[in-house]
Amino acid sequence: MNSEINWHEQQYNPRVTVANAAAIIPAWRKRAMATREKHPPHGDIKYGPHPRENLDLFRVRNAWGTVVYIHGGYWRMLSKLETSWIADGFLGQGLNVALINYPLCPDVSLAQIRQSCVRAFAWLWTHVLSETERQRIVVTGHSAGGHLAAHHLTVDWRQYNLPDNPFVGVLPVSGIFDVAPLIHTSMNSDIRLTQEAALHLNLMTASLRCHGKLVFAVGADEPPEFHRQSHDQAKAWASLQPRVLGLPDKNHFTVIDSLADPQGILNREIINMLGR
């Protein structure tokens, strides 16, 4: 790593620590296109007025549950389209897969993005899924999406006419839960966090509003701060008895391959959460 890059950048910017980072997203797009050609989703289901407030649903006949996935990109890049291939790990097991799109910084704030994802989930639950499909739901997400997935546990879902616990579990992957360190990174030119905003957005001090199974995951080859974030968040929400999984030989990008593989560690965790 370049010693001239500040410590926060080395810890939190995967493009600094992963050697082939520039080639990963284009490869994801190719994989995603192949998935969408093989399994065309119900695409661009609107849940709000912003052009990016839409979701895709990969639906299977007689689905016994649903996996909701929220993409990463530090809340400032990417979309549901790069990671459609996540569905490959679940469709053959009789599960729907919903991928949430959301507005990006700096067009909107992180607080607004969190509310978009809440509305997306409420719309999916209320207007899209059948009674059977909504009985077993796991919410997962990667990196920035890991934060957004975990945030679901802090929402009073009764305000959206949903049950107290509208999902059975949450699995954040390589999440960032205390966002204050990002103030000292180049990413903050778009995220535009202040100390006051970061304090308000800190999930480590947020109260749980609903309950469910909770597993945190992080790649073994990720920088120490990603591991600390997951372990500290697990301690903050110890009442849910969460576990933290380290995936051997996985970096910040390759860790989510385990979702798309029916034999992958994270795939198996979600199946277990769903009760099969």
Protein backbone atom coordinates (compact mmCIF):
# COMPACT_ATOMS: atom_id res chain seq x y z
CA MET A 1 0.00 0.00 0.00
CA ASN A 2 1.17 3.54 -0.74
CA SER A 3 2.49 5.07 2.48
CA GLU A 4 1.47 8.53 1.20
CA ILE A 5 -2.20 7.54 1.30
CA ASN A 6 -3.71 8.39 4.67
CA TRP A 7 -4.65 5.69 7.13
CA HIS A 8 -8.40 6.11 6.68
CA GLU A 9 -8.08 5.76 2.93
CA GLN A 10 -6.01 2.59 3.30
CA GLN A 11 -8.56 1.10 5.67
CA TYR A 12 -11.79 2.10 3.95
CA ASN A 13 -11.12 2.46 0.23
CA PRO A 14 -11.03 -1.03 -1.36
CA ARG A 15 -9.72 0.41 -4.60
CA VAL A 16 -6.48 1.09 -2.73
CA THR A 17 -6.11 -2.35 -1.15
CA VAL A 18 -7.43 -4.70 -3.87
CA ALA A 19 -4.93 -5.00 -6.70
CA ASN A 20 -7.37 -5.78 -9.53
CA ALA A 21 -10.19 -3.55 -8.30
CA ALA A 22 -10.56 -1.72 -11.61
CA ALA A 23 -11.42 -4.95 -13.45
CA ILE A 24 -13.98 -6.22 -10.96
CA ILE A 25 -17.00 -4.02 -11.72
CA PRO A 26 -16.85 -4.60 -15.51
CA ALA A 27 -16.72 -8.35 -14.81
CA TRP A 28 -19.73 -8.02 -12.50
CA ARG A 29 -21.68 -6.28 -15.27
CA LYS A 30 -21.05 -9.19 -17.64
CA ARG A 31 -22.14 -11.71 -15.04
CA ALA A 32 -25.23 -9.66 -14.26
CA MET A 33 -26.20 -9.44 -17.91
CA ALA A 34 -25.94 -13.20 -18.28
CA THR A 35 -28.19 -13.69 -15.25
CA ARG A 36 -30.79 -11.26 -16.56
CA GLU A 37 -30.82 -12.95 -19.96
CA LYS A 38 -31.28 -16.36 -18.39
CA HIS A 39 -33.79 -15.24 -15.75
CA PRO A 40 -35.52 -12.03 -16.88
CA PRO A 41 -36.74 -10.21 -13.76
CA HIS A 42 -39.79 -8.11 -13.13
CA GLY A 43 -37.75 -4.97 -13.67
CA ASP A 44 -37.83 -1.37 -12.51
CA ILE A 45 -40.73 -1.69 -10.10
CA LYS A 46 -41.23 1.85 -8.83
CA TYR A 47 -41.41 2.50 -5.11
CA GLY A 48 -40.83 6.28 -5.07
CA PRO A 49 -40.64 9.41 -7.25
CA HIS A 50 -36.86 9.58 -7.74
CA PRO A 51 -35.68 8.03 -11.05
CA ARG A 52 -33.49 5.56 -9.13
CA GLU A 53 -36.22 4.54 -6.70
CA ASN A 54 -37.00 1.19 -8.28
CA LEU A 55 -36.31 -2.46 -7.68
CA ASP A 56 -36.06 -5.71 -9.61
CA LEU A 57 -37.68 -8.95 -8.55
CA PHE A 58 -36.39 -12.29 -9.79
CA ARG A 59 -39.41 -14.47 -9.14
CA VAL A 60 -39.75 -18.23 -9.13
CA ARG A 61 -42.94 -20.25 -9.17
CA ASN A 62 -44.12 -21.33 -5.72
CA ALA A 63 -41.35 -19.44 -3.95
CA TRP A 64 -41.10 -20.28 -0.25
CA GLY A 65 -39.23 -17.11 0.66
CA THR A 66 -37.43 -14.00 -0.58
CA VAL A 67 -33.89 -12.65 -0.37
CA VAL A 68 -33.62 -8.85 -0.50
CA TYR A 69 -30.20 -7.58 -1.61
CA ILE A 70 -28.93 -3.99 -1.35
CA HIS A 71 -25.90 -3.08 -3.47
CA GLY A 72 -22.75 -1.31 -2.34
CA GLY A 73 -20.71 1.49 -3.87
CA TYR A 74 -20.27 3.84 -0.89
CA TRP A 75 -23.74 5.31 -1.52
CA ARG A 76 -22.30 7.19 -4.50
CA MET A 77 -21.99 4.68 -7.35
CA LEU A 78 -23.25 1.38 -8.80
CA SER A 79 -26.82 0.10 -8.97
CA LYS A 80 -28.89 -3.08 -8.85
CA LEU A 81 -27.72 -3.88 -12.39
CA GLU A 82 -24.12 -4.77 -11.49
CA THR A 83 -25.06 -7.49 -9.02
CA SER A 84 -28.02 -9.28 -10.59
CA TRP A 85 -25.87 -12.41 -10.50
CA ILE A 86 -26.51 -12.66 -6.75
CA ALA A 87 -29.82 -14.25 -7.83
CA ASP A 88 -27.96 -17.25 -9.28
CA GLY A 89 -27.42 -18.63 -5.80
CA PHE A 90 -31.07 -18.65 -4.76
CA LEU A 91 -33.47 -19.04 -7.69
CA GLY A 92 -32.69 -22.74 -8.08
CA GLN A 93 -33.45 -23.21 -4.39
CA GLY A 94 -36.99 -21.87 -4.76
CA LEU A 95 -36.36 -18.34 -3.51
CA ASN A 96 -37.23 -14.98 -4.98
CA VAL A 97 -34.48 -12.36 -5.10
CA ALA A 98 -35.26 -8.65 -4.94
CA LEU A 99 -32.55 -6.09 -5.73
CA ILE A 100 -33.10 -2.56 -4.45
CA ASN A 101 -31.97 0.52 -6.36
CA TYR A 102 -31.65 3.83 -4.54
CA PRO A 103 -30.59 7.45 -5.20
CA LEU A 104 -26.92 8.28 -4.79
CA CYS A 105 -24.79 10.89 -3.08
CA PRO A 106 -24.24 13.77 -3.65
CA ASP A 107 -27.66 14.04 -5.33
CA VAL A 108 -29.18 13.02 -1.99
CA SER A 109 -27.86 12.50 1.53
CA LEU A 110 -27.13 9.18 3.22
CA ALA A 111 -30.10 9.81 5.52
CA GLN A 112 -32.33 10.12 2.45
CA ILE A 113 -30.86 6.92 0.98
CA ARG A 114 -31.75 5.05 4.16
CA GLN A 115 -35.34 6.27 3.88
CA SER A 116 -35.48 5.23 0.21
CA CYS A 117 -34.47 1.69 1.14
CA VAL A 118 -37.06 1.59 3.91
CA ARG A 119 -39.76 2.66 1.46
CA ALA A 120 -38.51 0.08 -1.03
CA PHE A 121 -38.83 -2.72 1.49
CA ALA A 122 -42.27 -1.57 2.62
CA TRP A 123 -43.49 -1.34 -0.98
CA LEU A 124 -42.08 -4.77 -1.83
CA TRP A 125 -43.70 -6.34 1.24
CA THR A 126 -47.07 -4.63 0.81
CA HIS A 127 -47.59 -4.38 -2.94
CA VAL A 128 -45.40 -6.95 -4.67
CA LEU A 129 -44.90 -10.11 -2.63
CA SER A 130 -47.61 -12.66 -1.98
CA GLU A 131 -48.46 -13.74 1.54
CA THR A 132 -46.33 -16.86 1.16
CA GLU A 133 -43.39 -14.98 -0.37
CA ARG A 134 -43.29 -12.51 2.52
CA GLN A 135 -43.45 -15.09 5.29
CA ARG A 136 -39.71 -15.74 5.09
CA ILE A 137 -37.52 -12.78 4.12
CA VAL A 138 -33.81 -12.18 4.70
CA VAL A 139 -32.33 -8.74 4.03
CA THR A 140 -28.69 -8.67 3.00
CA GLY A 141 -26.37 -6.10 1.48
CA HIS A 142 -22.73 -5.45 0.73
CA SER A 143 -20.49 -2.64 1.99
CA ALA A 144 -22.68 0.49 1.88
CA GLY A 145 -25.53 -1.95 1.36
CA GLY A 146 -24.49 -3.75 4.53
CA HIS A 147 -25.16 -0.53 6.44
CA LEU A 148 -28.53 -0.14 4.72
CA ALA A 149 -29.47 -3.75 5.47
CA ALA A 150 -28.56 -3.40 9.15
CA HIS A 151 -30.56 -0.18 9.34
CA HIS A 152 -33.71 -2.24 8.74
CA LEU A 153 -33.42 -3.47 12.33
CA THR A 154 -33.80 0.10 13.66
CA VAL A 155 -37.06 0.88 11.83
CA ASP A 156 -40.51 0.96 13.42
CA TRP A 157 -42.22 -0.96 10.62
CA ARG A 158 -45.66 -0.39 12.12
CA GLN A 159 -45.47 3.14 10.68
CA TYR A 160 -45.61 1.47 7.26
CA ASN A 161 -48.45 -0.87 8.24
CA LEU A 162 -46.08 -3.83 8.42
CA PRO A 163 -45.62 -6.30 11.28
CA ASP A 164 -43.11 -5.49 14.01
CA ASN A 165 -40.71 -8.04 12.51
CA PRO A 166 -41.37 -8.25 8.75
CA PHE A 167 -38.24 -10.32 8.06
CA VAL A 168 -36.63 -13.32 9.72
CA GLY A 169 -33.02 -12.19 9.47
CA VAL A 170 -30.41 -9.70 8.34
CA LEU A 171 -26.96 -10.48 6.94
CA PRO A 172 -24.73 -7.41 6.40
CA VAL A 173 -21.59 -8.19 4.38
CA SER A 174 -18.52 -5.97 4.87
CA GLY A 175 -20.69 -3.24 6.30
CA ILE A 176 -19.74 0.19 7.60
CA PHE A 177 -21.93 0.96 10.59
CA ASP A 178 -20.13 3.90 12.21
CA VAL A 179 -19.66 6.21 9.23
CA ALA A 180 -17.59 8.87 11.02
CA PRO A 181 -14.19 7.53 9.79
CA LEU A 182 -15.31 8.16 6.22
CA ILE A 183 -15.11 11.90 6.83
CA HIS A 184 -11.34 11.50 6.45
CA THR A 185 -11.50 9.71 3.08
CA SER A 186 -11.74 10.87 -0.52
CA MET A 187 -15.21 9.29 -0.72
CA ASN A 188 -16.57 12.04 1.49
CA SER A 189 -16.35 14.52 -1.36
CA ASP A 190 -19.57 12.86 -2.54
CA ILE A 191 -21.03 11.52 0.71
CA ARG A 192 -20.58 14.93 2.38
CA LEU A 193 -20.71 13.72 5.94
CA THR A 194 -20.27 16.14 8.81
CA GLN A 195 -19.45 15.13 12.38
CA GLU A 196 -23.03 15.94 13.38
CA ALA A 197 -24.53 13.90 10.54
CA ALA A 198 -22.17 10.96 11.22
CA LEU A 199 -23.22 10.94 14.87
CA HIS A 200 -26.89 10.78 13.88
CA LEU A 201 -26.23 8.01 11.34
CA ASN A 202 -24.12 5.82 13.63
CA LEU A 203 -25.83 2.43 13.86
CA MET A 204 -23.66 1.42 16.81
CA THR A 205 -25.65 3.82 18.99
CA ALA A 206 -29.01 3.13 17.31
CA SER A 207 -31.76 1.32 19.17
CA LEU A 208 -33.22 -1.90 17.85
CA ARG A 209 -36.88 -1.55 16.85
CA CYS A 210 -37.40 -5.09 15.63
CA HIS A 211 -35.74 -8.45 16.06
CA GLY A 212 -34.47 -11.23 13.87
CA LYS A 213 -31.54 -13.48 13.24
CA LEU A 214 -28.37 -11.49 12.67
CA VAL A 215 -25.08 -12.56 11.11
CA PHE A 216 -22.25 -10.23 10.10
CA ALA A 217 -19.75 -11.28 7.43
CA VAL A 218 -16.40 -9.89 6.33
CA GLY A 219 -13.67 -11.14 4.04
CA ALA A 220 -10.58 -12.40 5.86
CA ASP A 221 -8.37 -10.36 3.51
CA GLU A 222 -10.16 -7.07 4.18
CA PRO A 223 -8.45 -4.29 6.16
CA PRO A 224 -8.75 -4.41 9.97
CA GLU A 225 -11.32 -1.62 10.13
CA PHE A 226 -13.92 -3.67 8.25
CA HIS A 227 -13.45 -6.44 10.80
CA ARG A 228 -13.64 -3.99 13.71
CA GLN A 229 -16.83 -2.43 12.36
CA SER A 230 -18.63 -5.77 12.20
CA HIS A 231 -17.39 -6.94 15.60
CA ASP A 232 -18.27 -3.64 17.27
CA GLN A 233 -21.74 -3.61 15.72
CA ALA A 234 -22.28 -7.17 16.90
CA LYS A 235 -21.38 -6.08 20.44
CA ALA A 236 -23.73 -3.10 20.20
CA TRP A 237 -26.62 -5.38 19.28
CA ALA A 238 -25.60 -8.27 21.54
CA SER A 239 -29.22 -8.86 22.56
CA LEU A 240 -29.77 -10.51 19.16
CA GLN A 241 -26.85 -12.87 19.81
CA PRO A 242 -25.24 -12.15 16.42
CA ARG A 243 -22.28 -13.98 14.97
CA VAL A 244 -19.43 -12.56 12.90
CA LEU A 245 -18.13 -14.71 10.06
CA GLY A 246 -14.72 -14.26 8.47
CA LEU A 247 -14.57 -15.72 4.96
CA PRO A 248 -11.13 -17.18 4.20
CA ASP A 249 -9.20 -15.82 1.22
CA LYS A 250 -11.89 -13.24 0.37
CA ASN A 251 -11.34 -9.52 -0.14
CA HIS A 252 -13.88 -6.70 -0.11
CA PHE A 253 -15.19 -7.60 -3.56
CA THR A 254 -14.87 -11.37 -3.76
CA VAL A 255 -16.63 -11.88 -0.42
CA ILE A 256 -20.07 -11.62 -2.05
CA ASP A 257 -19.32 -14.47 -4.46
CA SER A 258 -20.35 -16.63 -1.52
CA LEU A 259 -23.94 -15.39 -1.89
CA ALA A 260 -24.19 -16.46 -5.52
CA ASP A 261 -22.81 -19.96 -4.89
CA PRO A 262 -25.45 -22.41 -3.58
CA GLN A 263 -22.66 -24.08 -1.61
CA GLY A 264 -21.15 -20.81 -0.40
CA ILE A 265 -20.90 -19.98 3.29
CA LEU A 266 -23.13 -16.91 3.03
CA ASN A 267 -25.66 -18.65 0.84
CA ARG A 268 -25.94 -21.44 3.40
CA GLU A 269 -26.31 -18.88 6.21
CA ILE A 270 -29.27 -17.28 4.45
CA ILE A 271 -30.91 -20.63 3.79
CA ASN A 272 -30.51 -21.46 7.47
CA MET A 273 -31.98 -18.12 8.48
CA LEU A 274 -34.98 -18.78 6.26
CA GLY A 275 -35.59 -22.07 7.99
CA ARG A 276 -34.82 -24.70 5.40
